Structures are given as structure tokens and as C-alpha cells.
């Protein structure tokens, strides 16, 4: 039971380290999400921003998939 908890902590630390390794992409992703969540940008701009969030989610999903097998 405890080994599973420590594994989750180790995986979470690796994911956070990978996010810190790419500060530009991570900050753009977070700011883009915050703008869409807290403001009402124009429709065309919202569609472009949503597309970017989807692309970054797929990128990070592929990048962090290696930790699923640990």
C-alpha cells in the first residue's frame, strides 16, 4: 500500500520537473487556460485558444505517457 503512494509521489515529481523544464510552453498553456476561464475573449480568438489548449493537452499526454509504465 505504501509503495503505491510513494510511486505516485515520484511520478508526480517527474511530471512537475518536466513541466518546469519547458517553462515557455507551460506558462502559455496556463495563461491561455486562465484567459478562457476568467474572461470572455472574442469568438474567433476563443476558438484559436481552445485549439491551442487541445494541441498542448495532446502533446503533454504523449510526453507523460512514459510514466504510466513505471
N, C-alpha and C. Protein backbone atom coordinates (compact mmCIF):
# COMPACT_ATOMS: atom_id res chain seq x y z
N UNK A 1 0.82 -1.20 0.00
CA UNK A 1 0.00 0.00 0.00
C UNK A 1 0.87 1.27 0.00
N UNK A 2 1.85 1.30 0.89
CA UNK A 2 2.70 2.49 0.97
C UNK A 2 3.58 2.64 -0.26
N UNK A 3 3.98 1.52 -0.88
CA UNK A 3 4.80 1.62 -2.09
C UNK A 3 4.05 2.33 -3.19
N UNK A 4 2.74 2.09 -3.29
CA UNK A 4 1.92 2.72 -4.32
C UNK A 4 1.86 4.24 -4.11
N UNK A 5 1.78 4.67 -2.85
CA UNK A 5 1.73 6.10 -2.55
C UNK A 5 3.06 6.76 -2.93
N UNK A 6 4.16 6.10 -2.59
CA UNK A 6 5.47 6.68 -2.91
C UNK A 6 5.71 6.71 -4.41
N UNK A 7 5.20 5.70 -5.14
CA UNK A 7 5.31 5.71 -6.59
C UNK A 7 4.55 6.89 -7.18
N UNK A 8 3.37 7.16 -6.66
CA UNK A 8 2.58 8.29 -7.16
C UNK A 8 3.30 9.60 -6.90
N UNK A 9 3.94 9.72 -5.75
CA UNK A 9 4.68 10.94 -5.45
C UNK A 9 5.87 11.09 -6.39
N UNK A 10 6.54 10.00 -6.67
CA UNK A 10 7.69 10.05 -7.57
C UNK A 10 7.26 10.42 -8.98
N UNK A 11 6.16 9.84 -9.44
CA UNK A 11 5.65 10.15 -10.78
C UNK A 11 5.21 11.61 -10.85
N UNK A 12 4.53 12.09 -9.81
CA UNK A 12 4.10 13.49 -9.79
C UNK A 12 5.30 14.42 -9.82
N UNK A 13 6.36 14.08 -9.09
CA UNK A 13 7.57 14.90 -9.10
C UNK A 13 8.20 14.91 -10.48
N UNK A 14 8.21 13.79 -11.17
CA UNK A 14 8.78 13.73 -12.52
C UNK A 14 7.97 14.58 -13.49
N UNK A 15 6.65 14.54 -13.37
CA UNK A 15 5.80 15.34 -14.25
C UNK A 15 6.02 16.83 -14.00
N UNK A 16 6.09 17.23 -12.74
CA UNK A 16 6.33 18.64 -12.42
C UNK A 16 7.71 19.07 -12.91
N UNK A 17 8.71 18.19 -12.77
CA UNK A 17 10.04 18.52 -13.29
C UNK A 17 10.02 18.70 -14.80
N UNK A 18 9.26 17.86 -15.51
CA UNK A 18 9.16 18.02 -16.96
C UNK A 18 8.45 19.33 -17.33
N UNK A 19 7.44 19.72 -16.56
CA UNK A 19 6.76 20.99 -16.83
C UNK A 19 7.70 22.17 -16.58
N UNK A 20 8.54 22.06 -15.56
CA UNK A 20 9.49 23.13 -15.27
C UNK A 20 10.58 23.20 -16.34
N UNK A 21 10.92 22.05 -16.94
CA UNK A 21 11.94 22.04 -17.98
C UNK A 21 11.52 22.83 -19.22
N UNK A 22 10.22 23.00 -19.45
CA UNK A 22 9.72 23.75 -20.59
C UNK A 22 8.85 24.90 -20.10
N UNK A 23 9.47 25.94 -19.54
CA UNK A 23 8.67 27.00 -18.91
C UNK A 23 7.82 27.80 -19.89
N UNK A 24 8.29 27.99 -21.11
CA UNK A 24 7.53 28.78 -22.07
C UNK A 24 6.22 28.09 -22.43
N UNK A 25 6.28 26.81 -22.78
CA UNK A 25 5.07 26.08 -23.15
C UNK A 25 4.11 25.96 -21.98
N UNK A 26 4.65 25.70 -20.81
CA UNK A 26 3.81 25.56 -19.62
C UNK A 26 3.12 26.87 -19.27
N UNK A 27 3.85 27.98 -19.31
CA UNK A 27 3.25 29.26 -18.95
C UNK A 27 2.20 29.69 -19.98
N UNK A 28 2.47 29.44 -21.26
CA UNK A 28 1.48 29.77 -22.29
C UNK A 28 0.22 28.94 -22.08
N UNK A 29 0.39 27.67 -21.76
CA UNK A 29 -0.76 26.79 -21.52
C UNK A 29 -1.59 27.28 -20.33
N UNK A 30 -0.93 27.63 -19.24
CA UNK A 30 -1.64 28.07 -18.04
C UNK A 30 -2.33 29.42 -18.28
N UNK A 31 -1.65 30.35 -18.91
CA UNK A 31 -2.24 31.67 -19.18
C UNK A 31 -3.41 31.55 -20.15
N UNK A 32 -3.25 30.72 -21.17
CA UNK A 32 -4.31 30.50 -22.15
C UNK A 32 -5.56 29.94 -21.46
N UNK A 33 -5.35 28.97 -20.59
CA UNK A 33 -6.47 28.38 -19.85
C UNK A 33 -7.13 29.41 -18.94
N UNK A 34 -6.33 30.22 -18.26
CA UNK A 34 -6.88 31.23 -17.36
C UNK A 34 -7.68 32.29 -18.11
N UNK A 35 -7.18 32.71 -19.28
CA UNK A 35 -7.91 33.71 -20.07
C UNK A 35 -9.26 33.16 -20.52
N UNK A 36 -9.27 31.92 -20.98
CA UNK A 36 -10.55 31.34 -21.41
C UNK A 36 -11.50 31.12 -20.23
N UNK A 37 -10.94 30.82 -19.07
CA UNK A 37 -11.78 30.55 -17.90
C UNK A 37 -12.32 31.82 -17.27
N UNK A 38 -11.52 32.88 -17.21
CA UNK A 38 -11.90 34.07 -16.44
C UNK A 38 -12.38 35.25 -17.27
N UNK A 39 -12.11 35.24 -18.57
CA UNK A 39 -12.50 36.36 -19.42
C UNK A 39 -13.38 35.89 -20.56
N UNK A 40 -13.92 36.83 -21.29
CA UNK A 40 -14.71 36.50 -22.47
C UNK A 40 -14.06 37.12 -23.70
N UNK A 41 -13.06 36.39 -24.26
CA UNK A 41 -12.43 36.93 -25.47
C UNK A 41 -13.37 36.79 -26.67
N UNK A 42 -13.08 37.47 -27.77
CA UNK A 42 -13.90 37.33 -28.97
C UNK A 42 -13.96 35.88 -29.45
N UNK A 43 -15.01 35.56 -30.20
CA UNK A 43 -15.28 34.17 -30.57
C UNK A 43 -14.14 33.55 -31.37
N UNK A 44 -13.65 34.23 -32.38
CA UNK A 44 -12.58 33.69 -33.22
C UNK A 44 -11.32 33.45 -32.37
N UNK A 45 -11.00 34.41 -31.52
CA UNK A 45 -9.84 34.28 -30.64
C UNK A 45 -10.03 33.10 -29.67
N UNK A 46 -11.26 32.91 -29.17
CA UNK A 46 -11.55 31.79 -28.28
C UNK A 46 -11.36 30.46 -28.99
N UNK A 47 -11.77 30.37 -30.23
CA UNK A 47 -11.62 29.13 -30.99
C UNK A 47 -10.14 28.81 -31.20
N UNK A 48 -9.35 29.82 -31.52
CA UNK A 48 -7.90 29.61 -31.70
C UNK A 48 -7.26 29.18 -30.38
N UNK A 49 -7.64 29.84 -29.30
CA UNK A 49 -7.07 29.50 -28.00
C UNK A 49 -7.48 28.09 -27.57
N UNK A 50 -8.72 27.71 -27.84
CA UNK A 50 -9.17 26.37 -27.49
C UNK A 50 -8.42 25.32 -28.30
N UNK A 51 -8.17 25.62 -29.57
CA UNK A 51 -7.38 24.72 -30.40
C UNK A 51 -5.98 24.55 -29.84
N UNK A 52 -5.38 25.64 -29.37
CA UNK A 52 -4.05 25.56 -28.78
C UNK A 52 -4.06 24.71 -27.51
N UNK A 53 -5.08 24.87 -26.68
CA UNK A 53 -5.17 24.07 -25.46
C UNK A 53 -5.30 22.59 -25.80
N UNK A 54 -6.08 22.27 -26.81
CA UNK A 54 -6.23 20.87 -27.22
C UNK A 54 -4.90 20.31 -27.72
N UNK A 55 -4.19 21.08 -28.53
CA UNK A 55 -2.88 20.63 -29.04
C UNK A 55 -1.88 20.43 -27.90
N UNK A 56 -1.84 21.36 -26.97
CA UNK A 56 -0.90 21.22 -25.85
C UNK A 56 -1.29 20.05 -24.95
N UNK A 57 -2.57 19.80 -24.78
CA UNK A 57 -3.00 18.66 -23.97
C UNK A 57 -2.56 17.35 -24.61
N UNK A 58 -2.68 17.26 -25.94
CA UNK A 58 -2.22 16.05 -26.63
C UNK A 58 -0.71 15.92 -26.52
N UNK A 59 0.02 17.02 -26.64
CA UNK A 59 1.47 16.99 -26.53
C UNK A 59 1.90 16.51 -25.14
N UNK A 60 1.32 17.11 -24.11
CA UNK A 60 1.69 16.71 -22.75
C UNK A 60 1.22 15.28 -22.45
N UNK A 61 0.11 14.86 -23.02
CA UNK A 61 -0.34 13.48 -22.84
C UNK A 61 0.66 12.48 -23.39
N UNK A 62 1.20 12.76 -24.57
CA UNK A 62 2.21 11.88 -25.15
C UNK A 62 3.52 11.95 -24.36
N UNK A 63 3.87 13.13 -23.90
CA UNK A 63 5.12 13.30 -23.16
C UNK A 63 5.09 12.56 -21.83
N UNK A 64 3.95 12.59 -21.14
CA UNK A 64 3.86 11.98 -19.81
C UNK A 64 3.42 10.52 -19.87
N UNK A 65 3.15 10.00 -21.04
CA UNK A 65 2.75 8.59 -21.16
C UNK A 65 3.85 7.65 -20.69
N UNK A 66 5.11 8.07 -20.80
CA UNK A 66 6.21 7.19 -20.38
C UNK A 66 6.14 6.87 -18.89
N UNK A 67 5.50 7.73 -18.10
CA UNK A 67 5.43 7.49 -16.65
C UNK A 67 4.31 6.53 -16.29
N UNK A 68 3.45 6.19 -17.23
CA UNK A 68 2.35 5.26 -16.96
C UNK A 68 2.88 3.85 -16.70
N UNK A 69 3.99 3.50 -17.33
CA UNK A 69 4.54 2.15 -17.21
C UNK A 69 5.45 1.98 -16.00
N UNK A 70 5.70 3.04 -15.24
CA UNK A 70 6.59 2.91 -14.09
C UNK A 70 5.91 2.24 -12.92
